[in-house]
Amino acid sequence: MIKIFTVVVIASAVSSCNNKSSSAKSGGEDTTKSKTIMSLNSLTEEQKSDGWQLLFDGQSTKGWRKYGGEAIGEAWKITDGAIYLDTANKKDGKIVGGGDIVTDEEYENFHLKLEWKISENGNSGIMFYVNEDTAMYKKPYETAPEMQVLDNNGHPDAKIIKHRAGDLYDLISSVEETVKPAGEWNLAEVKCVNAKLELYLNGKNVVSTTMWDDNWKKMVAASKFNQWPGFGTYKKGRICLQDHDNLVSYRNIMIKKM
């Protein structure tokens, strides 16, 4: 009886320790996740003093609206500090409650930074200099150049030159492919100051060009955008996140006026 009692006591003690260890581990993971979410969509004091502003607070769609002025649809959702496009509800291949979303504010000379994550076989885009005159332009892409967001390993667009992730869509291919696979976060940057346009993907300058000069006009004329006279002509406009009917997530969206 003494031996049996001893075994029971020891087993109970081990079980208690394991439970405490498991609880501590679980609590640690939850705390780490909470800290990570809290650190997202925030600016350091150095960034604030340098003029950076958040375009997404990680909790709401404040500062954004659907292209055309309507409220953002219910398919754009927020979780774990990211805004994403939920594809669960579709009709005729189109996401119900989706649509391209744009900033309330317009920008001229700017440096934009944000992170994106695309689903397998997914497609989206980051557009800039969007003119929101919907009487003239039904879609943002009729006026706005785009940095391509794409799963290069799965989406058919990847087979088309100038349509791969990081490209200035249908205008200039990236000089180097630095995109990460579907499901991983990529850091994208769009910088345009006094007509000098630079695109960065994961820290690498992948596209450099000059906007609005004769060479720019020739590029546009040779592209699919030549059917829209207003494309790439505006020197001030909104930032746009594209609904291409695929799951895509964005976070840490910030901008600096130059």
Foldseek 3Di string as FASTA:
>chain_A
DVVVVVVVVVVVVVVVVVVVVVVVVVVVVVVVLVVVLVPWQDDDPVCVVVFKDGCDNQQDNPQKAAQQDHHQFPQFDGDSSKTKGHLPDDDPLARPRHHKMWGPFKAFFKKKKKKKAFAALGWKWKWHLFDRPCVQPVHRQLATWTQIDGQCVHHPLVVPAQRDHRGRRQQGWFPDDDDDHHPDMKMWMWGADPQWIFIDINHRTGDTDGADDPVNVVSCCPGPSVVRVNYRHGRMGIIIIGPPSGMMMMTRIMMGHD
